N, C-alpha and C. Protein backbone atom coordinates (compact mmCIF):
# COMPACT_ATOMS: atom_id res chain seq x y z
N MET A 1 71.61 116.56 91.41
CA MET A 1 72.93 116.10 90.93
C MET A 1 72.74 115.05 89.83
N LYS A 2 73.56 115.11 88.81
CA LYS A 2 73.48 114.18 87.69
C LYS A 2 73.74 112.75 88.18
N LYS A 3 72.92 111.83 87.66
CA LYS A 3 73.09 110.42 88.01
C LYS A 3 74.34 109.88 87.32
N ILE A 4 75.21 109.30 88.10
CA ILE A 4 76.41 108.69 87.53
C ILE A 4 76.32 107.18 87.72
N VAL A 5 77.09 106.48 86.92
CA VAL A 5 77.18 105.02 87.03
C VAL A 5 78.51 104.69 87.68
N LEU A 6 78.46 104.00 88.80
CA LEU A 6 79.67 103.59 89.51
C LEU A 6 79.88 102.10 89.30
N VAL A 7 81.02 101.77 88.70
CA VAL A 7 81.31 100.38 88.34
C VAL A 7 82.50 99.87 89.14
N GLY A 8 82.31 98.79 89.86
CA GLY A 8 83.41 98.16 90.58
C GLY A 8 84.16 97.21 89.66
N VAL A 9 85.47 97.28 89.71
CA VAL A 9 86.31 96.33 88.95
C VAL A 9 87.07 95.50 89.98
N THR A 10 86.85 94.21 89.96
CA THR A 10 87.49 93.36 90.96
C THR A 10 88.04 92.10 90.31
N GLY A 11 88.72 91.31 91.10
CA GLY A 11 89.37 90.10 90.62
C GLY A 11 90.44 89.75 91.63
N ASN A 12 90.82 88.51 91.67
CA ASN A 12 91.79 88.08 92.67
C ASN A 12 93.21 88.45 92.29
N PHE A 13 94.09 88.24 93.21
CA PHE A 13 95.52 88.52 93.05
C PHE A 13 96.03 87.92 91.74
N GLY A 14 96.58 88.78 90.88
CA GLY A 14 97.18 88.30 89.64
C GLY A 14 96.21 88.08 88.49
N SER A 15 94.94 88.45 88.66
CA SER A 15 93.95 88.18 87.60
C SER A 15 94.05 89.16 86.44
N GLY A 16 94.65 90.33 86.68
CA GLY A 16 94.82 91.30 85.59
C GLY A 16 93.98 92.55 85.74
N LYS A 17 93.56 92.87 86.96
CA LYS A 17 92.74 94.06 87.19
C LYS A 17 93.44 95.33 86.72
N SER A 18 94.72 95.45 87.04
CA SER A 18 95.46 96.67 86.68
C SER A 18 95.52 96.86 85.16
N THR A 19 95.70 95.76 84.43
CA THR A 19 95.74 95.85 82.97
C THR A 19 94.39 96.29 82.43
N VAL A 20 93.32 95.74 82.97
CA VAL A 20 91.97 96.13 82.56
C VAL A 20 91.75 97.62 82.83
N CYS A 21 92.19 98.07 83.99
CA CYS A 21 91.98 99.48 84.35
C CYS A 21 92.81 100.42 83.48
N LYS A 22 93.99 99.99 83.08
CA LYS A 22 94.78 100.79 82.14
C LYS A 22 94.07 100.92 80.80
N ILE A 23 93.44 99.85 80.36
CA ILE A 23 92.66 99.90 79.12
C ILE A 23 91.50 100.88 79.27
N LEU A 24 90.83 100.83 80.41
CA LEU A 24 89.72 101.75 80.67
C LEU A 24 90.20 103.21 80.63
N GLU A 25 91.35 103.46 81.23
CA GLU A 25 91.90 104.81 81.21
C GLU A 25 92.26 105.25 79.79
N GLU A 26 92.79 104.32 79.01
CA GLU A 26 93.11 104.64 77.61
C GLU A 26 91.85 104.94 76.81
N LEU A 27 90.72 104.39 77.24
CA LEU A 27 89.44 104.66 76.58
C LEU A 27 88.83 105.97 77.07
N GLY A 28 89.49 106.62 78.02
CA GLY A 28 89.04 107.94 78.49
C GLY A 28 88.25 107.94 79.78
N PHE A 29 88.18 106.79 80.46
CA PHE A 29 87.40 106.72 81.69
C PHE A 29 88.28 106.98 82.92
N SER A 30 87.64 107.46 83.98
CA SER A 30 88.34 107.68 85.25
C SER A 30 88.28 106.41 86.08
N VAL A 31 89.43 106.03 86.63
CA VAL A 31 89.52 104.84 87.48
C VAL A 31 90.08 105.24 88.83
N ILE A 32 89.38 104.89 89.89
CA ILE A 32 89.87 105.10 91.25
C ILE A 32 90.48 103.78 91.73
N TYR A 33 91.74 103.83 92.13
CA TYR A 33 92.43 102.61 92.57
C TYR A 33 92.42 102.56 94.10
N SER A 34 91.76 101.55 94.64
CA SER A 34 91.60 101.47 96.09
C SER A 34 92.94 101.38 96.82
N ASP A 35 93.89 100.63 96.24
CA ASP A 35 95.20 100.48 96.89
C ASP A 35 95.92 101.82 97.01
N ILE A 36 95.81 102.64 95.96
CA ILE A 36 96.45 103.97 95.99
C ILE A 36 95.76 104.85 97.01
N VAL A 37 94.43 104.82 97.04
CA VAL A 37 93.68 105.61 98.02
C VAL A 37 94.06 105.17 99.43
N ALA A 38 94.16 103.85 99.64
CA ALA A 38 94.51 103.32 100.97
C ALA A 38 95.88 103.82 101.41
N LYS A 39 96.85 103.77 100.51
CA LYS A 39 98.21 104.22 100.86
C LYS A 39 98.23 105.70 101.20
N VAL A 40 97.44 106.48 100.46
CA VAL A 40 97.39 107.92 100.72
C VAL A 40 96.81 108.21 102.10
N VAL A 41 95.67 107.58 102.42
CA VAL A 41 95.05 107.87 103.72
C VAL A 41 95.87 107.30 104.86
N MET A 42 96.51 106.15 104.65
CA MET A 42 97.36 105.57 105.69
C MET A 42 98.57 106.46 105.96
N GLN A 43 98.98 107.17 104.94
CA GLN A 43 100.13 108.06 105.08
C GLN A 43 99.75 109.42 105.67
N LYS A 44 98.59 109.94 105.26
CA LYS A 44 98.29 111.35 105.54
C LYS A 44 97.25 111.60 106.62
N ASN A 45 96.42 110.61 106.92
CA ASN A 45 95.36 110.83 107.90
C ASN A 45 95.87 110.58 109.31
N PRO A 46 95.97 111.61 110.15
CA PRO A 46 96.54 111.46 111.50
C PRO A 46 95.76 110.48 112.37
N GLU A 47 94.44 110.52 112.28
CA GLU A 47 93.60 109.63 113.08
C GLU A 47 93.85 108.18 112.70
N LEU A 48 93.91 107.91 111.41
CA LEU A 48 94.17 106.55 110.93
C LEU A 48 95.57 106.09 111.33
N ARG A 49 96.55 106.97 111.23
CA ARG A 49 97.91 106.62 111.63
C ARG A 49 97.94 106.16 113.09
N ARG A 50 97.24 106.91 113.95
CA ARG A 50 97.21 106.55 115.38
C ARG A 50 96.57 105.17 115.59
N LYS A 51 95.49 104.92 114.86
CA LYS A 51 94.81 103.62 115.00
C LYS A 51 95.71 102.47 114.55
N LEU A 52 96.44 102.68 113.46
CA LEU A 52 97.31 101.63 112.96
C LEU A 52 98.48 101.37 113.90
N ILE A 53 99.03 102.43 114.47
CA ILE A 53 100.13 102.27 115.43
C ILE A 53 99.63 101.56 116.69
N ASN A 54 98.43 101.92 117.14
CA ASN A 54 97.85 101.26 118.31
C ASN A 54 97.62 99.77 118.04
N ALA A 55 97.24 99.45 116.80
CA ALA A 55 96.92 98.06 116.47
C ALA A 55 98.15 97.22 116.19
N PHE A 56 99.15 97.80 115.51
CA PHE A 56 100.28 97.01 115.03
C PHE A 56 101.64 97.44 115.58
N GLY A 57 101.70 98.57 116.26
CA GLY A 57 102.97 98.99 116.84
C GLY A 57 103.64 100.11 116.07
N GLU A 58 104.66 100.68 116.69
CA GLU A 58 105.40 101.79 116.11
C GLU A 58 106.08 101.44 114.80
N GLU A 59 106.35 100.14 114.59
CA GLU A 59 107.04 99.72 113.36
C GLU A 59 106.18 99.92 112.11
N THR A 60 104.90 100.23 112.31
CA THR A 60 104.01 100.45 111.17
C THR A 60 104.52 101.57 110.27
N TYR A 61 105.23 102.52 110.88
CA TYR A 61 105.78 103.64 110.11
C TYR A 61 107.30 103.71 110.32
N LEU A 62 108.00 104.08 109.28
CA LEU A 62 109.45 104.21 109.33
C LEU A 62 109.84 105.49 110.05
N PRO A 63 111.11 105.62 110.46
CA PRO A 63 111.54 106.83 111.18
C PRO A 63 111.26 108.13 110.43
N ASP A 64 111.23 108.07 109.09
CA ASP A 64 110.96 109.30 108.32
C ASP A 64 109.46 109.58 108.20
N GLY A 65 108.62 108.73 108.84
CA GLY A 65 107.18 108.96 108.83
C GLY A 65 106.44 108.25 107.73
N SER A 66 107.15 107.62 106.81
CA SER A 66 106.48 106.92 105.71
C SER A 66 105.99 105.55 106.17
N LEU A 67 104.98 105.04 105.46
CA LEU A 67 104.41 103.74 105.80
C LEU A 67 105.42 102.63 105.57
N ASN A 68 105.54 101.73 106.53
CA ASN A 68 106.47 100.60 106.42
C ASN A 68 105.74 99.46 105.71
N SER A 69 105.54 99.63 104.39
CA SER A 69 104.69 98.73 103.62
C SER A 69 105.19 97.29 103.64
N LYS A 70 106.49 97.09 103.49
CA LYS A 70 107.04 95.74 103.44
C LYS A 70 106.83 95.02 104.76
N TRP A 71 107.09 95.70 105.86
CA TRP A 71 106.91 95.12 107.19
C TRP A 71 105.44 94.77 107.43
N LEU A 72 104.55 95.69 107.02
CA LEU A 72 103.12 95.47 107.24
C LEU A 72 102.62 94.30 106.39
N ALA A 73 103.13 94.19 105.17
CA ALA A 73 102.73 93.07 104.30
C ALA A 73 103.13 91.73 104.93
N GLU A 74 104.29 91.69 105.54
CA GLU A 74 104.74 90.47 106.21
C GLU A 74 103.85 90.13 107.40
N LYS A 75 103.34 91.17 108.07
CA LYS A 75 102.45 90.96 109.21
C LYS A 75 101.12 90.35 108.81
N VAL A 76 100.64 90.67 107.59
CA VAL A 76 99.29 90.24 107.22
C VAL A 76 99.27 89.10 106.21
N PHE A 77 100.41 88.79 105.57
CA PHE A 77 100.41 87.74 104.56
C PHE A 77 101.26 86.52 104.94
N ALA A 78 101.73 86.46 106.17
CA ALA A 78 102.48 85.28 106.61
C ALA A 78 101.53 84.08 106.73
N THR A 79 102.10 82.88 106.81
CA THR A 79 101.27 81.67 106.88
C THR A 79 100.95 81.30 108.32
N THR A 80 100.31 82.18 109.02
CA THR A 80 99.92 81.93 110.41
C THR A 80 98.51 82.42 110.64
N GLU A 81 97.86 81.86 111.66
CA GLU A 81 96.52 82.33 112.02
C GLU A 81 96.58 83.79 112.47
N GLU A 82 97.65 84.16 113.13
CA GLU A 82 97.81 85.55 113.58
C GLU A 82 97.81 86.50 112.39
N ALA A 83 98.48 86.09 111.30
CA ALA A 83 98.53 86.93 110.10
C ALA A 83 97.13 87.10 109.51
N GLU A 84 96.35 86.03 109.49
CA GLU A 84 94.98 86.12 108.98
C GLU A 84 94.17 87.10 109.81
N GLU A 85 94.34 87.04 111.11
CA GLU A 85 93.63 87.97 112.00
C GLU A 85 94.13 89.40 111.77
N ASN A 86 95.44 89.54 111.55
CA ASN A 86 96.00 90.87 111.29
C ASN A 86 95.43 91.48 110.01
N LEU A 87 95.25 90.64 108.98
CA LEU A 87 94.71 91.13 107.72
C LEU A 87 93.27 91.61 107.90
N LEU A 88 92.48 90.83 108.62
CA LEU A 88 91.10 91.23 108.90
C LEU A 88 91.06 92.54 109.69
N LEU A 89 91.96 92.66 110.67
CA LEU A 89 92.02 93.86 111.49
C LEU A 89 92.43 95.06 110.65
N LEU A 90 93.47 94.88 109.82
CA LEU A 90 93.94 95.97 108.97
C LEU A 90 92.83 96.47 108.06
N ASN A 91 92.15 95.54 107.41
CA ASN A 91 91.07 95.93 106.50
C ASN A 91 89.94 96.64 107.23
N SER A 92 89.60 96.15 108.42
CA SER A 92 88.50 96.76 109.17
C SER A 92 88.83 98.18 109.60
N ILE A 93 90.10 98.45 109.85
CA ILE A 93 90.52 99.79 110.25
C ILE A 93 90.59 100.73 109.05
N VAL A 94 91.15 100.24 107.95
CA VAL A 94 91.45 101.12 106.81
C VAL A 94 90.26 101.36 105.89
N HIS A 95 89.41 100.35 105.69
CA HIS A 95 88.34 100.45 104.70
C HIS A 95 87.42 101.66 104.88
N PRO A 96 86.97 101.99 106.12
CA PRO A 96 86.08 103.16 106.25
C PRO A 96 86.74 104.46 105.76
N TYR A 97 88.02 104.60 105.99
CA TYR A 97 88.74 105.80 105.54
C TYR A 97 88.88 105.81 104.02
N VAL A 98 89.09 104.63 103.45
CA VAL A 98 89.17 104.53 101.98
C VAL A 98 87.84 104.93 101.35
N LEU A 99 86.74 104.45 101.94
CA LEU A 99 85.42 104.78 101.39
C LEU A 99 85.12 106.26 101.51
N ASP A 100 85.49 106.87 102.63
CA ASP A 100 85.27 108.31 102.80
C ASP A 100 86.06 109.11 101.77
N GLU A 101 87.32 108.74 101.57
CA GLU A 101 88.17 109.44 100.60
C GLU A 101 87.66 109.20 99.18
N THR A 102 87.18 107.98 98.92
CA THR A 102 86.64 107.66 97.60
C THR A 102 85.42 108.51 97.28
N GLU A 103 84.58 108.73 98.28
CA GLU A 103 83.40 109.58 98.08
C GLU A 103 83.80 110.99 97.67
N LEU A 104 84.84 111.52 98.29
CA LEU A 104 85.33 112.85 97.92
C LEU A 104 85.82 112.86 96.47
N ILE A 105 86.55 111.82 96.09
CA ILE A 105 87.08 111.73 94.72
C ILE A 105 85.93 111.62 93.71
N ILE A 106 84.92 110.82 94.04
CA ILE A 106 83.77 110.65 93.15
C ILE A 106 83.05 111.99 92.95
N ASN A 107 82.83 112.72 94.02
CA ASN A 107 82.16 114.03 93.92
C ASN A 107 82.97 114.99 93.04
N LYS A 108 84.28 114.93 93.17
CA LYS A 108 85.14 115.77 92.33
C LYS A 108 84.99 115.39 90.86
N LEU A 109 84.97 114.08 90.56
CA LEU A 109 84.83 113.62 89.19
C LEU A 109 83.46 113.97 88.61
N ILE A 110 82.42 113.90 89.45
CA ILE A 110 81.08 114.30 89.00
C ILE A 110 81.08 115.77 88.62
N ASN A 111 81.72 116.59 89.44
CA ASN A 111 81.80 118.03 89.14
C ASN A 111 82.57 118.31 87.86
N GLU A 112 83.45 117.37 87.49
CA GLU A 112 84.20 117.50 86.25
C GLU A 112 83.42 116.99 85.04
N GLY A 113 82.21 116.47 85.30
CA GLY A 113 81.35 116.03 84.20
C GLY A 113 81.40 114.55 83.89
N LYS A 114 82.05 113.75 84.72
CA LYS A 114 82.12 112.31 84.47
C LYS A 114 80.77 111.67 84.76
N ASP A 115 80.37 110.72 83.92
CA ASP A 115 79.10 110.03 84.17
C ASP A 115 79.26 108.54 84.39
N ILE A 116 80.43 107.98 84.05
CA ILE A 116 80.76 106.59 84.39
C ILE A 116 82.12 106.59 85.09
N ILE A 117 82.15 106.07 86.31
CA ILE A 117 83.38 106.06 87.10
C ILE A 117 83.66 104.61 87.52
N PHE A 118 84.90 104.21 87.36
CA PHE A 118 85.31 102.85 87.73
C PHE A 118 86.11 102.89 89.04
N PHE A 119 85.88 101.89 89.88
CA PHE A 119 86.57 101.77 91.17
C PHE A 119 87.20 100.38 91.22
N GLU A 120 88.53 100.33 91.30
CA GLU A 120 89.26 99.06 91.29
C GLU A 120 89.61 98.61 92.71
N SER A 121 89.23 97.40 93.03
CA SER A 121 89.58 96.82 94.33
C SER A 121 89.50 95.31 94.27
N ALA A 122 90.49 94.64 94.85
CA ALA A 122 90.46 93.18 94.91
C ALA A 122 89.45 92.67 95.94
N LEU A 123 89.03 93.56 96.84
CA LEU A 123 88.28 93.10 98.02
C LEU A 123 86.85 93.61 98.08
N ILE A 124 86.23 93.82 96.94
CA ILE A 124 84.86 94.32 96.94
C ILE A 124 83.92 93.34 97.66
N TYR A 125 84.05 92.06 97.33
CA TYR A 125 83.17 91.06 97.97
C TYR A 125 83.64 90.75 99.39
N GLU A 126 84.94 90.69 99.59
CA GLU A 126 85.46 90.41 100.94
C GLU A 126 85.07 91.50 101.93
N ALA A 127 85.04 92.75 101.44
CA ALA A 127 84.67 93.87 102.30
C ALA A 127 83.16 94.09 102.35
N ASN A 128 82.43 93.29 101.57
CA ASN A 128 80.97 93.36 101.54
C ASN A 128 80.46 94.75 101.14
N ILE A 129 81.09 95.33 100.12
CA ILE A 129 80.67 96.66 99.65
C ILE A 129 80.08 96.58 98.24
N GLN A 130 79.72 95.39 97.79
CA GLN A 130 79.22 95.23 96.43
C GLN A 130 77.96 96.04 96.15
N ASN A 131 77.16 96.31 97.19
CA ASN A 131 75.92 97.04 97.00
C ASN A 131 76.13 98.53 96.73
N LEU A 132 77.38 99.01 96.85
CA LEU A 132 77.67 100.41 96.57
C LEU A 132 77.75 100.68 95.07
N PHE A 133 77.77 99.64 94.26
CA PHE A 133 78.04 99.80 92.83
C PHE A 133 76.80 99.49 91.99
N ASP A 134 76.71 100.19 90.86
CA ASP A 134 75.65 99.89 89.91
C ASP A 134 75.94 98.57 89.19
N TYR A 135 77.20 98.35 88.88
CA TYR A 135 77.63 97.11 88.24
C TYR A 135 78.99 96.71 88.80
N ILE A 136 79.24 95.41 88.77
CA ILE A 136 80.57 94.91 89.15
C ILE A 136 81.12 94.08 88.00
N VAL A 137 82.33 94.42 87.58
CA VAL A 137 83.04 93.71 86.53
C VAL A 137 84.11 92.84 87.20
N LEU A 138 84.05 91.56 86.96
CA LEU A 138 85.05 90.64 87.51
C LEU A 138 86.07 90.31 86.43
N VAL A 139 87.34 90.50 86.76
CA VAL A 139 88.42 90.10 85.86
C VAL A 139 88.79 88.67 86.23
N TYR A 140 88.59 87.77 85.27
CA TYR A 140 88.73 86.33 85.55
C TYR A 140 89.88 85.74 84.74
N ALA A 141 90.74 85.01 85.41
CA ALA A 141 91.80 84.25 84.74
C ALA A 141 91.91 82.90 85.43
N ASP A 142 92.15 81.86 84.65
CA ASP A 142 92.34 80.53 85.24
C ASP A 142 93.51 80.56 86.21
N LYS A 143 93.41 79.75 87.27
CA LYS A 143 94.43 79.78 88.31
C LYS A 143 95.82 79.49 87.77
N ASP A 144 95.93 78.51 86.84
CA ASP A 144 97.25 78.19 86.33
C ASP A 144 97.85 79.36 85.55
N LYS A 145 96.99 80.15 84.89
CA LYS A 145 97.45 81.35 84.19
C LYS A 145 97.94 82.40 85.19
N VAL A 146 97.18 82.57 86.26
CA VAL A 146 97.55 83.53 87.30
C VAL A 146 98.92 83.18 87.89
N VAL A 147 99.09 81.92 88.27
CA VAL A 147 100.35 81.48 88.87
C VAL A 147 101.49 81.65 87.87
N GLU A 148 101.26 81.26 86.62
CA GLU A 148 102.28 81.38 85.58
C GLU A 148 102.74 82.82 85.39
N ARG A 149 101.79 83.74 85.32
CA ARG A 149 102.11 85.16 85.10
C ARG A 149 102.85 85.75 86.29
N LEU A 150 102.40 85.42 87.50
CA LEU A 150 103.04 85.97 88.69
C LEU A 150 104.45 85.41 88.88
N LEU A 151 104.62 84.13 88.60
CA LEU A 151 105.96 83.54 88.71
C LEU A 151 106.91 84.18 87.70
N ALA A 152 106.39 84.49 86.51
CA ALA A 152 107.22 85.09 85.46
C ALA A 152 107.74 86.47 85.87
N LYS A 153 106.97 87.16 86.72
CA LYS A 153 107.41 88.48 87.18
C LYS A 153 108.58 88.39 88.16
N GLY A 154 108.73 87.24 88.79
CA GLY A 154 109.85 87.02 89.69
C GLY A 154 109.75 87.71 91.04
N LYS A 155 108.58 88.23 91.38
CA LYS A 155 108.42 88.95 92.65
C LYS A 155 107.91 88.05 93.77
N TYR A 156 107.26 86.94 93.39
CA TYR A 156 106.62 86.08 94.39
C TYR A 156 107.01 84.62 94.16
N SER A 157 107.11 83.89 95.25
CA SER A 157 107.29 82.44 95.14
C SER A 157 105.92 81.80 94.95
N ARG A 158 105.92 80.54 94.53
CA ARG A 158 104.65 79.83 94.36
C ARG A 158 103.89 79.78 95.69
N GLU A 159 104.62 79.59 96.78
CA GLU A 159 103.98 79.53 98.10
C GLU A 159 103.30 80.86 98.43
N GLU A 160 103.98 81.98 98.16
CA GLU A 160 103.40 83.30 98.43
C GLU A 160 102.15 83.54 97.59
N ILE A 161 102.20 83.12 96.34
CA ILE A 161 101.05 83.28 95.45
C ILE A 161 99.86 82.49 95.98
N GLU A 162 100.10 81.23 96.33
CA GLU A 162 99.03 80.37 96.86
C GLU A 162 98.45 80.96 98.13
N ARG A 163 99.33 81.47 98.98
CA ARG A 163 98.89 82.03 100.27
C ARG A 163 97.97 83.23 100.06
N ARG A 164 98.36 84.11 99.14
CA ARG A 164 97.53 85.30 98.90
C ARG A 164 96.20 84.94 98.24
N LEU A 165 96.24 84.00 97.32
CA LEU A 165 95.00 83.59 96.66
C LEU A 165 94.04 82.95 97.65
N ASN A 166 94.59 82.21 98.60
CA ASN A 166 93.75 81.52 99.59
C ASN A 166 93.09 82.48 100.58
N ARG A 167 93.58 83.72 100.64
CA ARG A 167 92.99 84.72 101.54
C ARG A 167 91.78 85.41 100.90
N GLN A 168 91.51 85.12 99.64
CA GLN A 168 90.42 85.78 98.95
C GLN A 168 89.33 84.78 98.57
N ILE A 169 88.11 85.28 98.44
CA ILE A 169 87.02 84.44 97.95
C ILE A 169 87.39 83.97 96.54
N SER A 170 87.10 82.72 96.22
CA SER A 170 87.52 82.17 94.94
C SER A 170 86.87 82.92 93.77
N LEU A 171 87.59 82.95 92.65
CA LEU A 171 87.04 83.59 91.45
C LEU A 171 85.76 82.89 90.99
N GLU A 172 85.67 81.58 91.21
CA GLU A 172 84.47 80.85 90.80
C GLU A 172 83.25 81.36 91.57
N GLU A 173 83.42 81.63 92.86
CA GLU A 173 82.31 82.15 93.66
C GLU A 173 81.95 83.56 93.22
N LYS A 174 82.96 84.38 92.96
CA LYS A 174 82.71 85.76 92.53
C LYS A 174 82.04 85.79 91.16
N ARG A 175 82.40 84.84 90.32
CA ARG A 175 81.85 84.80 88.97
C ARG A 175 80.33 84.62 89.00
N LYS A 176 79.83 83.91 89.99
CA LYS A 176 78.39 83.64 90.09
C LYS A 176 77.58 84.90 90.37
N VAL A 177 78.21 85.90 90.99
CA VAL A 177 77.45 87.07 91.42
C VAL A 177 77.85 88.37 90.72
N ALA A 178 78.89 88.34 89.89
CA ALA A 178 79.31 89.54 89.18
C ALA A 178 78.33 89.85 88.04
N ASP A 179 78.23 91.13 87.70
CA ASP A 179 77.35 91.54 86.60
C ASP A 179 77.99 91.25 85.24
N PHE A 180 79.30 91.46 85.16
CA PHE A 180 80.05 91.21 83.93
C PHE A 180 81.34 90.48 84.27
N VAL A 181 81.79 89.65 83.36
CA VAL A 181 83.05 88.92 83.56
C VAL A 181 83.96 89.17 82.36
N VAL A 182 85.16 89.68 82.64
CA VAL A 182 86.17 89.86 81.60
C VAL A 182 87.13 88.68 81.69
N ILE A 183 87.17 87.87 80.65
CA ILE A 183 88.07 86.72 80.63
C ILE A 183 89.47 87.19 80.23
N ASN A 184 90.45 86.84 81.05
CA ASN A 184 91.83 87.28 80.80
C ASN A 184 92.77 86.07 80.76
N ASN A 185 92.50 85.16 79.82
CA ASN A 185 93.35 83.99 79.66
C ASN A 185 94.23 84.08 78.41
N GLY A 186 94.01 85.11 77.60
CA GLY A 186 94.71 85.19 76.33
C GLY A 186 95.65 86.37 76.23
N THR A 187 95.66 86.99 75.06
CA THR A 187 96.57 88.10 74.80
C THR A 187 95.99 89.43 75.27
N VAL A 188 96.82 90.44 75.32
CA VAL A 188 96.36 91.78 75.69
C VAL A 188 95.35 92.29 74.67
N GLU A 189 95.55 91.95 73.39
CA GLU A 189 94.61 92.37 72.35
C GLU A 189 93.23 91.76 72.58
N GLU A 190 93.19 90.50 72.97
CA GLU A 190 91.90 89.86 73.28
C GLU A 190 91.26 90.52 74.49
N LEU A 191 92.08 90.85 75.47
CA LEU A 191 91.56 91.50 76.68
C LEU A 191 90.98 92.87 76.32
N GLU A 192 91.66 93.61 75.47
CA GLU A 192 91.16 94.92 75.05
C GLU A 192 89.78 94.81 74.39
N ARG A 193 89.63 93.82 73.53
CA ARG A 193 88.34 93.62 72.87
C ARG A 193 87.25 93.29 73.89
N ASN A 194 87.58 92.43 74.86
CA ASN A 194 86.61 92.06 75.89
C ASN A 194 86.19 93.26 76.73
N VAL A 195 87.17 94.09 77.09
CA VAL A 195 86.88 95.28 77.90
C VAL A 195 86.01 96.25 77.12
N LYS A 196 86.34 96.50 75.87
CA LYS A 196 85.55 97.42 75.04
C LYS A 196 84.12 96.94 74.89
N PHE A 197 83.94 95.64 74.74
CA PHE A 197 82.60 95.08 74.61
C PHE A 197 81.77 95.33 75.87
N ILE A 198 82.38 95.12 77.03
CA ILE A 198 81.65 95.32 78.29
C ILE A 198 81.36 96.79 78.51
N VAL A 199 82.29 97.66 78.17
CA VAL A 199 82.06 99.10 78.29
C VAL A 199 80.87 99.52 77.42
N GLU A 200 80.80 98.99 76.21
CA GLU A 200 79.69 99.31 75.31
C GLU A 200 78.36 98.84 75.91
N MET A 201 78.37 97.68 76.57
CA MET A 201 77.16 97.17 77.21
C MET A 201 76.72 98.09 78.35
N ILE A 202 77.69 98.53 79.15
CA ILE A 202 77.37 99.43 80.26
C ILE A 202 76.82 100.76 79.75
N GLN A 203 77.44 101.28 78.69
CA GLN A 203 76.96 102.54 78.10
C GLN A 203 75.56 102.39 77.54
N GLU A 204 75.28 101.25 76.92
CA GLU A 204 73.96 101.00 76.37
C GLU A 204 72.91 100.91 77.48
N LEU A 205 73.26 100.23 78.57
CA LEU A 205 72.36 100.13 79.71
C LEU A 205 72.10 101.50 80.32
N GLN A 206 73.15 102.32 80.39
CA GLN A 206 73.01 103.68 80.90
C GLN A 206 72.07 104.51 80.01
N SER A 207 72.25 104.36 78.70
CA SER A 207 71.40 105.08 77.74
C SER A 207 69.95 104.64 77.85
N MET A 208 69.72 103.34 78.00
CA MET A 208 68.35 102.83 78.13
C MET A 208 67.70 103.34 79.41
N ALA A 209 68.48 103.38 80.51
CA ALA A 209 67.95 103.86 81.78
C ALA A 209 67.57 105.34 81.68
N LYS A 210 68.39 106.12 80.98
CA LYS A 210 68.12 107.55 80.80
C LYS A 210 66.85 107.76 79.98
N LYS A 211 66.69 106.98 78.89
CA LYS A 211 65.50 107.12 78.05
C LYS A 211 64.25 106.75 78.83
N SER A 212 64.37 105.68 79.66
CA SER A 212 63.24 105.25 80.47
C SER A 212 62.81 106.32 81.46
N LYS A 213 63.82 106.97 82.06
CA LYS A 213 63.55 108.03 83.03
C LYS A 213 62.91 109.22 82.34
N ASP A 214 63.40 109.56 81.15
CA ASP A 214 62.88 110.71 80.41
C ASP A 214 61.43 110.49 79.99
N ASN A 215 61.05 109.21 79.81
CA ASN A 215 59.69 108.90 79.35
C ASN A 215 58.69 108.78 80.48
N THR A 216 59.17 108.84 81.72
CA THR A 216 58.25 108.71 82.86
C THR A 216 57.80 110.07 83.36
């Protein structure tokens, strides 16, 4: 099977991961979004549905069978120790199914001829899956920028933003161990240039690895 490069794209709540991934898609790359994969398996996998209901109750799903996302978010993001435990429990239950589904998606993309695949997740380090990737790209934004952008969207209060950020390993800690860092403190145009530069570096590293292999 052809060797592919699997690149993790991570960053904390509000850092701009989705914007970076949209740029990657516009450049022609395939991006697997962990949140979308998680929602699909939570909705469609009968075994996972049973585990979630056993863990959190019948309210996990609405009467029409769809995932009760808002209710579940309140269970795991409230400012209580129980909520912190619920978040850990939810991730421990869902992550193995996400990884299994991701493997299927990756194999499909390989069969389509893709040689660089990006996987977006806020919890690569929290879930301790960093070793699954050839490279990890961290999307970094100063905390005041993150708070400013999220408040401008009007979806979260300052307290909710702080609470979610505090549930994740700090960007400063992640920055120390990431392979590449995309700074997202400026304009979208600046971000595009930063992303293109890192993509070119990854492609160059891939080319060098291929030449090295061919010469052995």
